[in-house]
Amino acid sequence: MLAILSADAHADASHTAEVCLTAAARALDQLLADNRFSRESAPELLAIDALTTYAFEHASQSAATEAQLQSFARRGAQILGQLIAQRV
């Protein structure tokens, strides 16, 4: 996961949700672009899944309002959904 986060691993904790979502999307995009669908890519896919989970978990715990959480959830689903639609 640290490799996927790269320099963003040192970002301020208040940006955890955004950083994790962005890193997960970037890694998923690369995985799909490279057509890496074999078992060898499973560890990377698991890291992407974990980062996505962390992003949504952090957002649920740190959002000041329900509207903020809903906005983050919609945007996250849209970002990841668009990657899938574009690449698959």
N, C-alpha and C. Protein backbone atom coordinates (compact mmCIF):
# COMPACT_ATOMS: atom_id res chain seq x y z
N MET A 1 0.82 -1.19 0.00
CA MET A 1 0.00 0.00 0.00
C MET A 1 0.87 1.26 0.00
N LEU A 2 1.98 1.21 0.69
CA LEU A 2 2.87 2.37 0.70
C LEU A 2 3.41 2.66 -0.70
N ALA A 3 3.69 1.62 -1.45
CA ALA A 3 4.18 1.82 -2.82
C ALA A 3 3.11 2.51 -3.67
N ILE A 4 1.88 2.15 -3.48
CA ILE A 4 0.79 2.77 -4.24
C ILE A 4 0.58 4.21 -3.79
N LEU A 5 0.68 4.45 -2.50
CA LEU A 5 0.53 5.82 -1.99
C LEU A 5 1.69 6.72 -2.40
N SER A 6 2.86 6.14 -2.54
CA SER A 6 4.10 6.85 -2.89
C SER A 6 4.28 8.08 -1.99
N ALA A 7 4.58 9.23 -2.55
CA ALA A 7 4.85 10.43 -1.75
C ALA A 7 3.63 10.87 -0.95
N ASP A 8 2.44 10.49 -1.39
CA ASP A 8 1.22 10.87 -0.68
C ASP A 8 1.10 10.20 0.69
N ALA A 9 1.92 9.19 0.93
CA ALA A 9 1.89 8.51 2.23
C ALA A 9 2.24 9.46 3.37
N HIS A 10 2.88 10.56 3.04
CA HIS A 10 3.29 11.53 4.06
C HIS A 10 2.33 12.72 4.15
N ALA A 11 1.20 12.63 3.49
CA ALA A 11 0.23 13.73 3.52
C ALA A 11 -0.37 13.86 4.92
N ASP A 12 -0.85 15.03 5.21
CA ASP A 12 -1.50 15.29 6.49
C ASP A 12 -2.68 14.33 6.67
N ALA A 13 -2.87 13.85 7.88
CA ALA A 13 -3.93 12.87 8.17
C ALA A 13 -5.32 13.39 7.84
N SER A 14 -5.49 14.69 7.84
CA SER A 14 -6.81 15.24 7.51
C SER A 14 -7.19 15.00 6.05
N HIS A 15 -6.23 14.61 5.23
CA HIS A 15 -6.48 14.35 3.81
C HIS A 15 -6.52 12.85 3.49
N THR A 16 -6.60 12.02 4.50
CA THR A 16 -6.52 10.57 4.32
C THR A 16 -7.53 10.05 3.31
N ALA A 17 -8.77 10.46 3.42
CA ALA A 17 -9.80 9.94 2.52
C ALA A 17 -9.46 10.26 1.06
N GLU A 18 -9.10 11.51 0.80
CA GLU A 18 -8.77 11.92 -0.57
C GLU A 18 -7.51 11.22 -1.07
N VAL A 19 -6.50 11.16 -0.24
CA VAL A 19 -5.23 10.55 -0.64
C VAL A 19 -5.42 9.07 -0.95
N CYS A 20 -6.14 8.37 -0.11
CA CYS A 20 -6.36 6.93 -0.34
C CYS A 20 -7.20 6.69 -1.59
N LEU A 21 -8.24 7.49 -1.77
CA LEU A 21 -9.08 7.32 -2.96
C LEU A 21 -8.30 7.62 -4.23
N THR A 22 -7.53 8.69 -4.22
CA THR A 22 -6.74 9.06 -5.39
C THR A 22 -5.70 7.99 -5.72
N ALA A 23 -5.03 7.50 -4.70
CA ALA A 23 -4.02 6.46 -4.93
C ALA A 23 -4.66 5.17 -5.44
N ALA A 24 -5.79 4.80 -4.88
CA ALA A 24 -6.48 3.59 -5.33
C ALA A 24 -6.91 3.73 -6.79
N ALA A 25 -7.46 4.88 -7.13
CA ALA A 25 -7.90 5.12 -8.51
C ALA A 25 -6.72 5.10 -9.47
N ARG A 26 -5.62 5.73 -9.08
CA ARG A 26 -4.42 5.76 -9.92
C ARG A 26 -3.89 4.34 -10.15
N ALA A 27 -3.83 3.54 -9.09
CA ALA A 27 -3.33 2.17 -9.22
C ALA A 27 -4.28 1.29 -10.03
N LEU A 28 -5.59 1.46 -9.81
CA LEU A 28 -6.56 0.69 -10.58
C LEU A 28 -6.48 1.05 -12.06
N ASP A 29 -6.34 2.33 -12.35
CA ASP A 29 -6.22 2.77 -13.73
C ASP A 29 -5.02 2.11 -14.40
N GLN A 30 -3.90 2.08 -13.71
CA GLN A 30 -2.69 1.47 -14.27
C GLN A 30 -2.85 -0.03 -14.45
N LEU A 31 -3.47 -0.68 -13.49
CA LEU A 31 -3.70 -2.12 -13.57
C LEU A 31 -4.57 -2.45 -14.78
N LEU A 32 -5.63 -1.67 -14.96
CA LEU A 32 -6.53 -1.89 -16.10
C LEU A 32 -5.86 -1.54 -17.43
N ALA A 33 -5.11 -0.45 -17.45
CA ALA A 33 -4.43 -0.02 -18.67
C ALA A 33 -3.42 -1.06 -19.13
N ASP A 34 -2.78 -1.73 -18.18
CA ASP A 34 -1.78 -2.74 -18.50
C ASP A 34 -2.38 -4.12 -18.72
N ASN A 35 -3.71 -4.22 -18.65
CA ASN A 35 -4.40 -5.50 -18.82
C ASN A 35 -3.83 -6.58 -17.90
N ARG A 36 -3.59 -6.20 -16.65
CA ARG A 36 -3.06 -7.17 -15.69
C ARG A 36 -4.22 -7.78 -14.91
N PHE A 37 -4.67 -8.92 -15.38
CA PHE A 37 -5.82 -9.58 -14.78
C PHE A 37 -5.48 -10.97 -14.25
N SER A 38 -4.22 -11.28 -14.15
CA SER A 38 -3.82 -12.61 -13.71
C SER A 38 -3.66 -12.66 -12.19
N ARG A 39 -3.40 -13.84 -11.69
CA ARG A 39 -3.21 -14.05 -10.25
C ARG A 39 -2.05 -13.22 -9.70
N GLU A 40 -1.07 -12.95 -10.54
CA GLU A 40 0.09 -12.19 -10.09
C GLU A 40 -0.29 -10.76 -9.68
N SER A 41 -1.40 -10.28 -10.17
CA SER A 41 -1.85 -8.93 -9.83
C SER A 41 -2.74 -8.89 -8.60
N ALA A 42 -3.03 -10.03 -8.03
CA ALA A 42 -3.92 -10.09 -6.87
C ALA A 42 -3.43 -9.25 -5.69
N PRO A 43 -2.15 -9.28 -5.33
CA PRO A 43 -1.72 -8.44 -4.20
C PRO A 43 -1.97 -6.94 -4.44
N GLU A 44 -1.74 -6.49 -5.66
CA GLU A 44 -1.98 -5.09 -5.97
C GLU A 44 -3.47 -4.77 -5.91
N LEU A 45 -4.28 -5.68 -6.42
CA LEU A 45 -5.73 -5.47 -6.37
C LEU A 45 -6.23 -5.45 -4.92
N LEU A 46 -5.67 -6.28 -4.08
CA LEU A 46 -6.03 -6.27 -2.66
C LEU A 46 -5.62 -4.95 -2.00
N ALA A 47 -4.48 -4.41 -2.38
CA ALA A 47 -4.04 -3.11 -1.84
C ALA A 47 -4.98 -2.00 -2.31
N ILE A 48 -5.41 -2.06 -3.55
CA ILE A 48 -6.36 -1.08 -4.09
C ILE A 48 -7.67 -1.16 -3.31
N ASP A 49 -8.12 -2.37 -3.06
CA ASP A 49 -9.34 -2.58 -2.29
C ASP A 49 -9.19 -2.01 -0.87
N ALA A 50 -8.06 -2.27 -0.24
CA ALA A 50 -7.82 -1.78 1.12
C ALA A 50 -7.78 -0.25 1.15
N LEU A 51 -7.11 0.37 0.18
CA LEU A 51 -7.06 1.83 0.13
C LEU A 51 -8.44 2.43 -0.08
N THR A 52 -9.23 1.79 -0.91
CA THR A 52 -10.60 2.27 -1.13
C THR A 52 -11.42 2.16 0.14
N THR A 53 -11.27 1.05 0.84
CA THR A 53 -11.96 0.86 2.11
C THR A 53 -11.53 1.91 3.13
N TYR A 54 -10.23 2.14 3.24
CA TYR A 54 -9.72 3.17 4.15
C TYR A 54 -10.27 4.54 3.80
N ALA A 55 -10.33 4.84 2.52
CA ALA A 55 -10.84 6.14 2.09
C ALA A 55 -12.27 6.35 2.57
N PHE A 56 -13.12 5.37 2.34
CA PHE A 56 -14.51 5.52 2.73
C PHE A 56 -14.68 5.45 4.24
N GLU A 57 -13.87 4.64 4.91
CA GLU A 57 -13.94 4.57 6.37
C GLU A 57 -13.53 5.91 6.98
N HIS A 58 -12.43 6.47 6.50
CA HIS A 58 -11.98 7.75 7.04
C HIS A 58 -13.01 8.85 6.75
N ALA A 59 -13.56 8.85 5.57
CA ALA A 59 -14.57 9.85 5.23
C ALA A 59 -15.79 9.73 6.14
N SER A 60 -16.18 8.50 6.45
CA SER A 60 -17.35 8.32 7.32
C SER A 60 -17.09 8.79 8.74
N GLN A 61 -15.84 8.73 9.17
CA GLN A 61 -15.51 9.14 10.53
C GLN A 61 -15.16 10.62 10.64
N SER A 62 -14.79 11.24 9.54
CA SER A 62 -14.32 12.62 9.61
C SER A 62 -15.26 13.64 8.97
N ALA A 63 -16.25 13.19 8.25
CA ALA A 63 -17.17 14.14 7.60
C ALA A 63 -17.94 14.92 8.66
N ALA A 64 -18.00 16.21 8.49
CA ALA A 64 -18.70 17.07 9.46
C ALA A 64 -20.21 16.93 9.33
N THR A 65 -20.66 16.65 8.11
CA THR A 65 -22.11 16.53 7.89
C THR A 65 -22.38 15.30 7.03
N GLU A 66 -23.62 14.88 7.07
CA GLU A 66 -24.04 13.76 6.24
C GLU A 66 -23.92 14.11 4.75
N ALA A 67 -24.18 15.36 4.43
CA ALA A 67 -24.07 15.80 3.04
C ALA A 67 -22.63 15.68 2.53
N GLN A 68 -21.66 16.00 3.37
CA GLN A 68 -20.26 15.87 2.98
C GLN A 68 -19.92 14.40 2.71
N LEU A 69 -20.38 13.53 3.57
CA LEU A 69 -20.13 12.10 3.38
C LEU A 69 -20.78 11.60 2.11
N GLN A 70 -22.01 12.01 1.86
CA GLN A 70 -22.70 11.61 0.64
C GLN A 70 -21.97 12.11 -0.60
N SER A 71 -21.47 13.31 -0.54
CA SER A 71 -20.73 13.89 -1.66
C SER A 71 -19.46 13.10 -1.94
N PHE A 72 -18.72 12.76 -0.89
CA PHE A 72 -17.51 11.98 -1.06
C PHE A 72 -17.83 10.60 -1.63
N ALA A 73 -18.86 9.97 -1.11
CA ALA A 73 -19.25 8.63 -1.57
C ALA A 73 -19.65 8.65 -3.05
N ARG A 74 -20.42 9.65 -3.44
CA ARG A 74 -20.82 9.77 -4.85
C ARG A 74 -19.61 9.98 -5.75
N ARG A 75 -18.73 10.87 -5.32
CA ARG A 75 -17.54 11.17 -6.13
C ARG A 75 -16.63 9.96 -6.22
N GLY A 76 -16.45 9.26 -5.12
CA GLY A 76 -15.61 8.06 -5.13
C GLY A 76 -16.17 6.99 -6.04
N ALA A 77 -17.46 6.75 -5.95
CA ALA A 77 -18.10 5.76 -6.82
C ALA A 77 -18.00 6.18 -8.28
N GLN A 78 -18.14 7.46 -8.53
CA GLN A 78 -18.06 7.96 -9.91
C GLN A 78 -16.65 7.79 -10.47
N ILE A 79 -15.64 8.15 -9.70
CA ILE A 79 -14.25 8.03 -10.16
C ILE A 79 -13.92 6.59 -10.49
N LEU A 80 -14.21 5.69 -9.56
CA LEU A 80 -13.87 4.28 -9.78
C LEU A 80 -14.73 3.66 -10.88
N GLY A 81 -16.00 4.05 -10.93
CA GLY A 81 -16.89 3.52 -11.95
C GLY A 81 -16.47 3.96 -13.36
N GLN A 82 -16.03 5.20 -13.49
CA GLN A 82 -15.58 5.69 -14.79
C GLN A 82 -14.34 4.94 -15.26
N LEU A 83 -13.44 4.64 -14.34
CA LEU A 83 -12.24 3.88 -14.72
C LEU A 83 -12.63 2.53 -15.31
N ILE A 84 -13.52 1.87 -14.64
CA ILE A 84 -13.96 0.55 -15.11
C ILE A 84 -14.62 0.69 -16.49
N ALA A 85 -15.50 1.65 -16.63
CA ALA A 85 -16.21 1.83 -17.90
C ALA A 85 -15.26 2.18 -19.05
N GLN A 86 -14.25 2.96 -18.76
CA GLN A 86 -13.31 3.38 -19.80
C GLN A 86 -12.35 2.29 -20.20
N ARG A 87 -11.96 1.46 -19.26
CA ARG A 87 -10.88 0.50 -19.50
C ARG A 87 -11.33 -0.92 -19.80
N VAL A 88 -12.55 -1.25 -19.42
CA VAL A 88 -12.98 -2.65 -19.60
C VAL A 88 -13.95 -2.75 -20.74
